[in-house]
Amino acid sequence: MGPLGFLTGVVLGSAASIALVLAMVVVIFAVTVGGQPALGREYPDLLASAGLFGMLAAVAAAAFLGVQRGRSWRWLAQGAMWLALALIGWYYWP
């Protein structure tokens, strides 16, 4: 595995773990939102965050597979992954 494959794997693992934890929090919010109106206001932002990191994980998985298998579309997938990462950074920038 080359340096690009390693770096793509780090992005994939990080994005997948964040997406999974956010999905668990979504489930907890869905169960407890009835008794806590403040949680209901946070729910749309939580869903957006879970969706963003889920999308990043999917794009990073495609980029990782493309790099590891030497596919012709690997550079397109790499570009999409870095673009998704930049968009997430822009979304959270104050």
PDB file of N, CA and C in Angstrom:
ATOM      1  N   MET A   1       0.844  -1.166   0.000  1.00  0.00           N
ATOM      2  CA  MET A   1       0.000   0.000   0.000  1.00  0.00           C
ATOM      3  C   MET A   1       0.896   1.237   0.000  1.00  0.00           C
ATOM      4  N   GLY A   2       0.590   2.137  -0.908  1.00  0.00           N
ATOM      5  CA  GLY A   2       1.357   3.366  -1.009  1.00  0.00           C
ATOM      6  C   GLY A   2       0.844   4.438  -0.062  1.00  0.00           C
ATOM      7  N   PRO A   3       1.533   5.576  -0.047  1.00  0.00           N
ATOM      8  CA  PRO A   3       1.124   6.665   0.843  1.00  0.00           C
ATOM      9  C   PRO A   3      -0.284   7.182   0.553  1.00  0.00           C
ATOM     10  N   LEU A   4      -0.670   7.255  -0.723  1.00  0.00           N
ATOM     11  CA  LEU A   4      -2.009   7.719  -1.058  1.00  0.00           C
ATOM     12  C   LEU A   4      -3.068   6.734  -0.571  1.00  0.00           C
ATOM     13  N   GLY A   5      -2.801   5.454  -0.694  1.00  0.00           N
ATOM     14  CA  GLY A   5      -3.723   4.445  -0.192  1.00  0.00           C
ATOM     15  C   GLY A   5      -3.860   4.514   1.321  1.00  0.00           C
ATOM     16  N   PHE A   6      -2.743   4.741   2.001  1.00  0.00           N
ATOM     17  CA  PHE A   6      -2.775   4.862   3.459  1.00  0.00           C
ATOM     18  C   PHE A   6      -3.586   6.076   3.882  1.00  0.00           C
ATOM     19  N   LEU A   7      -3.327   7.220   3.243  1.00  0.00           N
ATOM     20  CA  LEU A   7      -4.042   8.442   3.586  1.00  0.00           C
ATOM     21  C   LEU A   7      -5.533   8.323   3.284  1.00  0.00           C
ATOM     22  N   THR A   8      -5.864   7.687   2.179  1.00  0.00           N
ATOM     23  CA  THR A   8      -7.268   7.470   1.842  1.00  0.00           C
ATOM     24  C   THR A   8      -7.924   6.538   2.855  1.00  0.00           C
ATOM     25  N   GLY A   9      -7.191   5.531   3.312  1.00  0.00           N
ATOM     26  CA  GLY A   9      -7.708   4.633   4.336  1.00  0.00           C
ATOM     27  C   GLY A   9      -7.951   5.342   5.655  1.00  0.00           C
ATOM     28  N   VAL A  10      -7.089   6.283   6.006  1.00  0.00           N
ATOM     29  CA  VAL A  10      -7.287   7.058   7.233  1.00  0.00           C
ATOM     30  C   VAL A  10      -8.549   7.903   7.117  1.00  0.00           C
ATOM     31  N   VAL A  11      -8.736   8.555   5.972  1.00  0.00           N
ATOM     32  CA  VAL A  11      -9.949   9.354   5.767  1.00  0.00           C
ATOM     33  C   VAL A  11     -11.182   8.450   5.815  1.00  0.00           C
ATOM     34  N   LEU A  12     -11.098   7.288   5.161  1.00  0.00           N
ATOM     35  CA  LEU A  12     -12.220   6.345   5.156  1.00  0.00           C
ATOM     36  C   LEU A  12     -12.567   5.879   6.567  1.00  0.00           C
ATOM     37  N   GLY A  13     -11.587   5.463   7.320  1.00  0.00           N
ATOM     38  CA  GLY A  13     -11.839   4.983   8.678  1.00  0.00           C
ATOM     39  C   GLY A  13     -12.389   6.063   9.587  1.00  0.00           C
ATOM     40  N   SER A  14     -11.838   7.261   9.477  1.00  0.00           N
ATOM     41  CA  SER A  14     -12.316   8.365  10.312  1.00  0.00           C
ATOM     42  C   SER A  14     -13.747   8.740   9.953  1.00  0.00           C
ATOM     43  N   ALA A  15     -14.021   8.880   8.654  1.00  0.00           N
ATOM     44  CA  ALA A  15     -15.367   9.270   8.225  1.00  0.00           C
ATOM     45  C   ALA A  15     -16.392   8.199   8.582  1.00  0.00           C
ATOM     46  N   ALA A  16     -16.035   6.942   8.405  1.00  0.00           N
ATOM     47  CA  ALA A  16     -16.970   5.858   8.720  1.00  0.00           C
ATOM     48  C   ALA A  16     -17.267   5.801  10.211  1.00  0.00           C
ATOM     49  N   SER A  17     -16.255   5.983  11.042  1.00  0.00           N
ATOM     50  CA  SER A  17     -16.498   5.928  12.486  1.00  0.00           C
ATOM     51  C   SER A  17     -17.327   7.126  12.952  1.00  0.00           C
ATOM     52  N   ILE A  18     -17.059   8.313  12.409  1.00  0.00           N
ATOM     53  CA  ILE A  18     -17.859   9.480  12.777  1.00  0.00           C
ATOM     54  C   ILE A  18     -19.300   9.293  12.315  1.00  0.00           C
ATOM     55  N   ALA A  19     -19.491   8.800  11.091  1.00  0.00           N
ATOM     56  CA  ALA A  19     -20.847   8.575  10.571  1.00  0.00           C
ATOM     57  C   ALA A  19     -21.591   7.552  11.417  1.00  0.00           C
ATOM     58  N   LEU A  20     -20.916   6.498  11.836  1.00  0.00           N
ATOM     59  CA  LEU A  20     -21.563   5.472  12.655  1.00  0.00           C
ATOM     60  C   LEU A  20     -21.974   6.023  14.022  1.00  0.00           C
ATOM     61  N   VAL A  21     -21.107   6.788  14.646  1.00  0.00           N
ATOM     62  CA  VAL A  21     -21.437   7.369  15.949  1.00  0.00           C
ATOM     63  C   VAL A  21     -22.585   8.359  15.811  1.00  0.00           C
ATOM     64  N   LEU A  22     -22.558   9.173  14.757  1.00  0.00           N
ATOM     65  CA  LEU A  22     -23.661  10.121  14.550  1.00  0.00           C
ATOM     66  C   LEU A  22     -24.974   9.391  14.286  1.00  0.00           C
ATOM     67  N   ALA A  23     -24.916   8.271  13.576  1.00  0.00           N
ATOM     68  CA  ALA A  23     -26.131   7.483  13.346  1.00  0.00           C
ATOM     69  C   ALA A  23     -26.670   6.931  14.659  1.00  0.00           C
ATOM     70  N   MET A  24     -25.787   6.521  15.562  1.00  0.00           N
ATOM     71  CA  MET A  24     -26.238   6.059  16.876  1.00  0.00           C
ATOM     72  C   MET A  24     -26.884   7.188  17.664  1.00  0.00           C
ATOM     73  N   VAL A  25     -26.331   8.374  17.566  1.00  0.00           N
ATOM     74  CA  VAL A  25     -26.906   9.523  18.257  1.00  0.00           C
ATOM     75  C   VAL A  25     -28.270   9.877  17.655  1.00  0.00           C
ATOM     76  N   VAL A  26     -28.406   9.741  16.338  1.00  0.00           N
ATOM     77  CA  VAL A  26     -29.700   9.972  15.688  1.00  0.00           C
ATOM     78  C   VAL A  26     -30.758   9.038  16.268  1.00  0.00           C
ATOM     79  N   VAL A  27     -30.396   7.777  16.450  1.00  0.00           N
ATOM     80  CA  VAL A  27     -31.339   6.810  17.023  1.00  0.00           C
ATOM     81  C   VAL A  27     -31.709   7.212  18.449  1.00  0.00           C
ATOM     82  N   ILE A  28     -30.739   7.595  19.238  1.00  0.00           N
ATOM     83  CA  ILE A  28     -31.018   8.008  20.624  1.00  0.00           C
ATOM     84  C   ILE A  28     -31.905   9.245  20.641  1.00  0.00           C
ATOM     85  N   PHE A  29     -31.612  10.216  19.769  1.00  0.00           N
ATOM     86  CA  PHE A  29     -32.451  11.417  19.693  1.00  0.00           C
ATOM     87  C   PHE A  29     -33.866  11.051  19.276  1.00  0.00           C
ATOM     88  N   ALA A  30     -34.008  10.134  18.330  1.00  0.00           N
ATOM     89  CA  ALA A  30     -35.343   9.746  17.848  1.00  0.00           C
ATOM     90  C   ALA A  30     -36.166   9.115  18.962  1.00  0.00           C
ATOM     91  N   VAL A  31     -35.517   8.391  19.847  1.00  0.00           N
ATOM     92  CA  VAL A  31     -36.227   7.735  20.943  1.00  0.00           C
ATOM     93  C   VAL A  31     -36.605   8.733  22.035  1.00  0.00           C
ATOM     94  N   THR A  32     -35.736   9.713  22.318  1.00  0.00           N
ATOM     95  CA  THR A  32     -35.951  10.609  23.452  1.00  0.00           C
ATOM     96  C   THR A  32     -36.477  11.987  23.082  1.00  0.00           C
ATOM     97  N   VAL A  33     -36.696  12.266  21.812  1.00  0.00           N
ATOM     98  CA  VAL A  33     -37.086  13.616  21.402  1.00  0.00           C
ATOM     99  C   VAL A  33     -38.458  14.003  21.936  1.00  0.00           C
ATOM    100  N   GLY A  34     -39.324  13.067  22.207  1.00  0.00           N
ATOM    101  CA  GLY A  34     -40.662  13.380  22.706  1.00  0.00           C
ATOM    102  C   GLY A  34     -40.651  14.117  24.031  1.00  0.00           C
ATOM    103  N   GLY A  35     -39.758  13.758  24.920  1.00  0.00           N
ATOM    104  CA  GLY A  35     -39.709  14.377  26.240  1.00  0.00           C
ATOM    105  C   GLY A  35     -38.795  15.580  26.313  1.00  0.00           C
ATOM    106  N   GLN A  36     -38.026  15.835  25.296  1.00  0.00           N
ATOM    107  CA  GLN A  36     -37.056  16.924  25.312  1.00  0.00           C
ATOM    108  C   GLN A  36     -37.234  17.796  24.070  1.00  0.00           C
ATOM    109  N   PRO A  37     -37.951  18.898  24.145  1.00  0.00           N
ATOM    110  CA  PRO A  37     -38.141  19.744  22.963  1.00  0.00           C
ATOM    111  C   PRO A  37     -36.836  20.354  22.442  1.00  0.00           C
ATOM    112  N   ALA A  38     -35.867  20.564  23.321  1.00  0.00           N
ATOM    113  CA  ALA A  38     -34.587  21.122  22.881  1.00  0.00           C
ATOM    114  C   ALA A  38     -33.876  20.170  21.928  1.00  0.00           C
ATOM    115  N   LEU A  39     -34.049  18.871  22.134  1.00  0.00           N
ATOM    116  CA  LEU A  39     -33.436  17.899  21.232  1.00  0.00           C
ATOM    117  C   LEU A  39     -34.052  17.971  19.839  1.00  0.00           C
ATOM    118  N   GLY A  40     -35.326  18.291  19.769  1.00  0.00           N
ATOM    119  CA  GLY A  40     -35.993  18.402  18.484  1.00  0.00           C
ATOM    120  C   GLY A  40     -35.405  19.503  17.619  1.00  0.00           C
ATOM    121  N   ARG A  41     -34.935  20.569  18.245  1.00  0.00           N
ATOM    122  CA  ARG A  41     -34.317  21.660  17.491  1.00  0.00           C
ATOM    123  C   ARG A  41     -32.938  21.276  16.965  1.00  0.00           C
ATOM    124  N   GLU A  42     -32.274  20.368  17.633  1.00  0.00           N
ATOM    125  CA  GLU A  42     -30.940  19.928  17.212  1.00  0.00           C
ATOM    126  C   GLU A  42     -30.986  18.835  16.148  1.00  0.00           C
ATOM    127  N   TYR A  43     -32.127  18.203  15.998  1.00  0.00           N
ATOM    128  CA  TYR A  43     -32.260  17.030  15.127  1.00  0.00           C
ATOM    129  C   TYR A  43     -31.905  17.300  13.662  1.00  0.00           C
ATOM    130  N   PRO A  44     -32.370  18.390  13.040  1.00  0.00           N
ATOM    131  CA  PRO A  44     -32.015  18.617  11.625  1.00  0.00           C
ATOM    132  C   PRO A  44     -30.507  18.754  11.395  1.00  0.00           C
ATOM    133  N   ASP A  45     -29.821  19.471  12.295  1.00  0.00           N
ATOM    134  CA  ASP A  45     -28.370  19.605  12.158  1.00  0.00           C
ATOM    135  C   ASP A  45     -27.666  18.269  12.353  1.00  0.00           C
ATOM    136  N   LEU A  46     -28.177  17.470  13.263  1.00  0.00           N
ATOM    137  CA  LEU A  46     -27.603  16.143  13.492  1.00  0.00           C
ATOM    138  C   LEU A  46     -27.772  15.251  12.263  1.00  0.00           C
ATOM    139  N   LEU A  47     -28.938  15.291  11.663  1.00  0.00           N
ATOM    140  CA  LEU A  47     -29.168  14.503  10.446  1.00  0.00           C
ATOM    141  C   LEU A  47     -28.264  14.965   9.309  1.00  0.00           C
ATOM    142  N   ALA A  48     -28.088  16.287   9.184  1.00  0.00           N
ATOM    143  CA  ALA A  48     -27.203  16.814   8.146  1.00  0.00           C
ATOM    144  C   ALA A  48     -25.768  16.341   8.365  1.00  0.00           C
ATOM    145  N   SER A  49     -25.305  16.382   9.594  1.00  0.00           N
ATOM    146  CA  SER A  49     -23.943  15.946   9.899  1.00  0.00           C
ATOM    147  C   SER A  49     -23.762  14.456   9.617  1.00  0.00           C
ATOM    148  N   ALA A  50     -24.741  13.655  10.027  1.00  0.00           N
ATOM    149  CA  ALA A  50     -24.662  12.214   9.770  1.00  0.00           C
ATOM    150  C   ALA A  50     -24.645  11.944   8.266  1.00  0.00           C
ATOM    151  N   GLY A  51     -25.459  12.669   7.520  1.00  0.00           N
ATOM    152  CA  GLY A  51     -25.484  12.502   6.068  1.00  0.00           C
ATOM    153  C   GLY A  51     -24.185  12.921   5.409  1.00  0.00           C
ATOM    154  N   LEU A  52     -23.609  14.034   5.850  1.00  0.00           N
ATOM    155  CA  LEU A  52     -22.342  14.500   5.276  1.00  0.00           C
ATOM    156  C   LEU A  52     -21.218  13.488   5.499  1.00  0.00           C
ATOM    157  N   PHE A  53     -21.107  12.998   6.712  1.00  0.00           N
ATOM    158  CA  PHE A  53     -20.031  12.046   6.998  1.00  0.00           C
ATOM    159  C   PHE A  53     -20.307  10.674   6.382  1.00  0.00           C
ATOM    160  N   GLY A  54     -21.577  10.307   6.254  1.00  0.00           N
ATOM    161  CA  GLY A  54     -21.902   9.070   5.533  1.00  0.00           C
ATOM    162  C   GLY A  54     -21.522   9.172   4.063  1.00  0.00           C
ATOM    163  N   MET A  55     -21.795  10.339   3.463  1.00  0.00           N
ATOM    164  CA  MET A  55     -21.415  10.569   2.071  1.00  0.00           C
ATOM    165  C   MET A  55     -19.902  10.556   1.913  1.00  0.00           C
ATOM    166  N   LEU A  56     -19.190  11.188   2.839  1.00  0.00           N
ATOM    167  CA  LEU A  56     -17.723  11.175   2.779  1.00  0.00           C
ATOM    168  C   LEU A  56     -17.189   9.755   2.902  1.00  0.00           C
ATOM    169  N   ALA A  57     -17.767   8.958   3.779  1.00  0.00           N
ATOM    170  CA  ALA A  57     -17.322   7.574   3.944  1.00  0.00           C
ATOM    171  C   ALA A  57     -17.543   6.771   2.664  1.00  0.00           C
ATOM    172  N   ALA A  58     -18.679   6.979   2.003  1.00  0.00           N
ATOM    173  CA  ALA A  58     -18.953   6.256   0.757  1.00  0.00           C
ATOM    174  C   ALA A  58     -17.984   6.661  -0.347  1.00  0.00           C
ATOM    175  N   VAL A  59     -17.733   7.959  -0.468  1.00  0.00           N
ATOM    176  CA  VAL A  59     -16.813   8.438  -1.505  1.00  0.00           C
ATOM    177  C   VAL A  59     -15.384   7.977  -1.196  1.00  0.00           C
ATOM    178  N   ALA A  60     -14.998   8.008   0.081  1.00  0.00           N
ATOM    179  CA  ALA A  60     -13.663   7.559   0.466  1.00  0.00           C
ATOM    180  C   ALA A  60     -13.502   6.057   0.230  1.00  0.00           C
ATOM    181  N   ALA A  61     -14.565   5.288   0.435  1.00  0.00           N
ATOM    182  CA  ALA A  61     -14.494   3.846   0.164  1.00  0.00           C
ATOM    183  C   ALA A  61     -14.267   3.592  -1.319  1.00  0.00           C
ATOM    184  N   ALA A  62     -14.960   4.347  -2.166  1.00  0.00           N
ATOM    185  CA  ALA A  62     -14.752   4.202  -3.606  1.00  0.00           C
ATOM    186  C   ALA A  62     -13.335   4.601  -3.983  1.00  0.00           C
ATOM    187  N   ALA A  63     -12.842   5.698  -3.403  1.00  0.00           N
ATOM    188  CA  ALA A  63     -11.478   6.147  -3.695  1.00  0.00           C
ATOM    189  C   ALA A  63     -10.454   5.122  -3.218  1.00  0.00           C
ATOM    190  N   PHE A  64     -10.690   4.545  -2.052  1.00  0.00           N
ATOM    191  CA  PHE A  64      -9.765   3.536  -1.522  1.00  0.00           C
ATOM    192  C   PHE A  64      -9.717   2.307  -2.422  1.00  0.00           C
ATOM    193  N   LEU A  65     -10.893   1.835  -2.825  1.00  0.00           N
ATOM    194  CA  LEU A  65     -10.921   0.671  -3.719  1.00  0.00           C
ATOM    195  C   LEU A  65     -10.268   0.988  -5.062  1.00  0.00           C
ATOM    196  N   GLY A  66     -10.526   2.174  -5.572  1.00  0.00           N
ATOM    197  CA  GLY A  66      -9.923   2.558  -6.847  1.00  0.00           C
ATOM    198  C   GLY A  66      -8.407   2.600  -6.781  1.00  0.00           C
ATOM    199  N   VAL A  67      -7.872   3.149  -5.695  1.00  0.00           N
ATOM    200  CA  VAL A  67      -6.414   3.225  -5.551  1.00  0.00           C
ATOM    201  C   VAL A  67      -5.822   1.835  -5.353  1.00  0.00           C
ATOM    202  N   GLN A  68      -6.443   1.032  -4.502  1.00  0.00           N
ATOM    203  CA  GLN A  68      -5.884  -0.285  -4.203  1.00  0.00           C
ATOM    204  C   GLN A  68      -5.912  -1.225  -5.400  1.00  0.00           C
ATOM    205  N   ARG A  69      -6.935  -1.098  -6.221  1.00  0.00           N
ATOM    206  CA  ARG A  69      -7.056  -1.990  -7.380  1.00  0.00           C
ATOM    207  C   ARG A  69      -6.512  -1.383  -8.659  1.00  0.00           C
ATOM    208  N   GLY A  70      -6.036  -0.150  -8.596  1.00  0.00           N
ATOM    209  CA  GLY A  70      -5.436   0.498  -9.754  1.00  0.00           C
ATOM    210  C   GLY A  70      -6.426   0.772 -10.878  1.00  0.00           C
ATOM    211  N   ARG A  71      -7.646   1.107 -10.538  1.00  0.00           N
ATOM    212  CA  ARG A  71      -8.679   1.362 -11.542  1.00  0.00           C
ATOM    213  C   ARG A  71      -8.407   2.678 -12.268  1.00  0.00           C
ATOM    214  N   SER A  72      -8.951   2.801 -13.468  1.00  0.00           N
ATOM    215  CA  SER A  72      -8.727   4.006 -14.260  1.00  0.00           C
ATOM    216  C   SER A  72      -9.457   5.215 -13.676  1.00  0.00           C
ATOM    217  N   TRP A  73     -10.508   5.007 -12.908  1.00  0.00           N
ATOM    218  CA  TRP A  73     -11.297   6.097 -12.338  1.00  0.00           C
ATOM    219  C   TRP A  73     -10.822   6.523 -10.957  1.00  0.00           C
ATOM    220  N   ARG A  74      -9.681   6.006 -10.522  1.00  0.00           N
ATOM    221  CA  ARG A  74      -9.228   6.284  -9.156  1.00  0.00           C
ATOM    222  C   ARG A  74      -8.954   7.768  -8.918  1.00  0.00           C
ATOM    223  N   TRP A  75      -8.490   8.490  -9.929  1.00  0.00           N
ATOM    224  CA  TRP A  75      -8.196   9.915  -9.728  1.00  0.00           C
ATOM    225  C   TRP A  75      -9.474  10.731  -9.626  1.00  0.00           C
ATOM    226  N   LEU A  76     -10.490  10.323 -10.344  1.00  0.00           N
ATOM    227  CA  LEU A  76     -11.786  10.976 -10.222  1.00  0.00           C
ATOM    228  C   LEU A  76     -12.359  10.751  -8.820  1.00  0.00           C
ATOM    229  N   ALA A  77     -12.235   9.529  -8.331  1.00  0.00           N
ATOM    230  CA  ALA A  77     -12.716   9.217  -6.981  1.00  0.00           C
ATOM    231  C   ALA A  77     -11.898   9.960  -5.920  1.00  0.00           C
ATOM    232  N   GLN A  78     -10.601  10.072  -6.126  1.00  0.00           N
ATOM    233  CA  GLN A  78      -9.767  10.833  -5.190  1.00  0.00           C
ATOM    234  C   GLN A  78     -10.182  12.299  -5.162  1.00  0.00           C
ATOM    235  N   GLY A  79     -10.416  12.854  -6.339  1.00  0.00           N
ATOM    236  CA  GLY A  79     -10.865  14.246  -6.410  1.00  0.00           C
ATOM    237  C   GLY A  79     -12.190  14.449  -5.712  1.00  0.00           C
ATOM    238  N   ALA A  80     -13.116  13.501  -5.898  1.00  0.00           N
ATOM    239  CA  ALA A  80     -14.421  13.591  -5.237  1.00  0.00           C
ATOM    240  C   ALA A  80     -14.263  13.496  -3.722  1.00  0.00           C
ATOM    241  N   MET A  81     -13.356  12.652  -3.259  1.00  0.00           N
ATOM    242  CA  MET A  81     -13.146  12.518  -1.819  1.00  0.00           C
ATOM    243  C   MET A  81     -12.594  13.811  -1.230  1.00  0.00           C
ATOM    244  N   TRP A  82     -11.593  14.394  -1.871  1.00  0.00           N
ATOM    245  CA  TRP A  82     -11.003  15.625  -1.355  1.00  0.00           C
ATOM    246  C   TRP A  82     -11.977  16.794  -1.450  1.00  0.00           C
ATOM    247  N   LEU A  83     -12.808  16.797  -2.489  1.00  0.00           N
ATOM    248  CA  LEU A  83     -13.838  17.825  -2.604  1.00  0.00           C
ATOM    249  C   LEU A  83     -14.865  17.684  -1.477  1.00  0.00           C
ATOM    250  N   ALA A  84     -15.291  16.457  -1.201  1.00  0.00           N
ATOM    251  CA  ALA A  84     -16.241  16.216  -0.109  1.00  0.00           C
ATOM    252  C   ALA A  84     -15.637  16.625   1.233  1.00  0.00           C
ATOM    253  N   LEU A  85     -14.367  16.333   1.432  1.00  0.00           N
ATOM    254  CA  LEU A  85     -13.694  16.718   2.669  1.00  0.00           C
ATOM    255  C   LEU A  85     -13.624  18.240   2.788  1.00  0.00           C
ATOM    256  N   ALA A  86     -13.344  18.923   1.688  1.00  0.00           N
ATOM    257  CA  ALA A  86     -13.300  20.395   1.696  1.00  0.00           C
ATOM    258  C   ALA A  86     -14.689  20.981   1.958  1.00  0.00           C
ATOM    259  N   LEU A  87     -15.727  20.379   1.381  1.00  0.00           N
ATOM    260  CA  LEU A  87     -17.086  20.866   1.612  1.00  0.00           C
ATOM    261  C   LEU A  87     -17.511  20.697   3.065  1.00  0.00           C
ATOM    262  N   ILE A  88     -17.112  19.603   3.680  1.00  0.00           N
ATOM    263  CA  ILE A  88     -17.418  19.401   5.098  1.00  0.00           C
ATOM    264  C   ILE A  88     -16.681  20.438   5.940  1.00  0.00           C
ATOM    265  N   GLY A  89     -15.434  20.699   5.598  1.00  0.00           N
ATOM    266  CA  GLY A  89     -14.691  21.741   6.303  1.00  0.00           C
ATOM    267  C   GLY A  89     -15.346  23.101   6.145  1.00  0.00           C
ATOM    268  N   TRP A  90     -15.842  23.401   4.945  1.00  0.00           N
ATOM    269  CA  TRP A  90     -16.520  24.668   4.695  1.00  0.00           C
ATOM    270  C   TRP A  90     -17.842  24.737   5.460  1.00  0.00           C
ATOM    271  N   TYR A  91     -18.538  23.613   5.545  1.00  0.00           N
ATOM    272  CA  TYR A  91     -19.819  23.569   6.261  1.00  0.00           C
ATOM    273  C   TYR A  91     -19.638  23.893   7.745  1.00  0.00           C
ATOM    274  N   TYR A  92     -18.578  23.395   8.341  1.00  0.00           N
ATOM    275  CA  TYR A  92     -18.348  23.590   9.773  1.00  0.00           C
ATOM    276  C   TYR A  92     -17.519  24.828  10.100  1.00  0.00           C
ATOM    277  N   TRP A  93     -16.981  25.507   9.087  1.00  0.00           N
ATOM    278  CA  TRP A  93     -16.149  26.678   9.350  1.00  0.00           C
ATOM    279  C   TRP A  93     -16.998  27.783   9.976  1.00  0.00           C
ATOM    280  N   PRO A  94     -16.504  28.414  11.025  1.00  0.00           N
ATOM    281  CA  PRO A  94     -17.328  29.420  11.719  1.00  0.00           C
ATOM    282  C   PRO A  94     -17.663  30.589  10.891  1.00  0.00           C
TER     283      PRO A  94
END
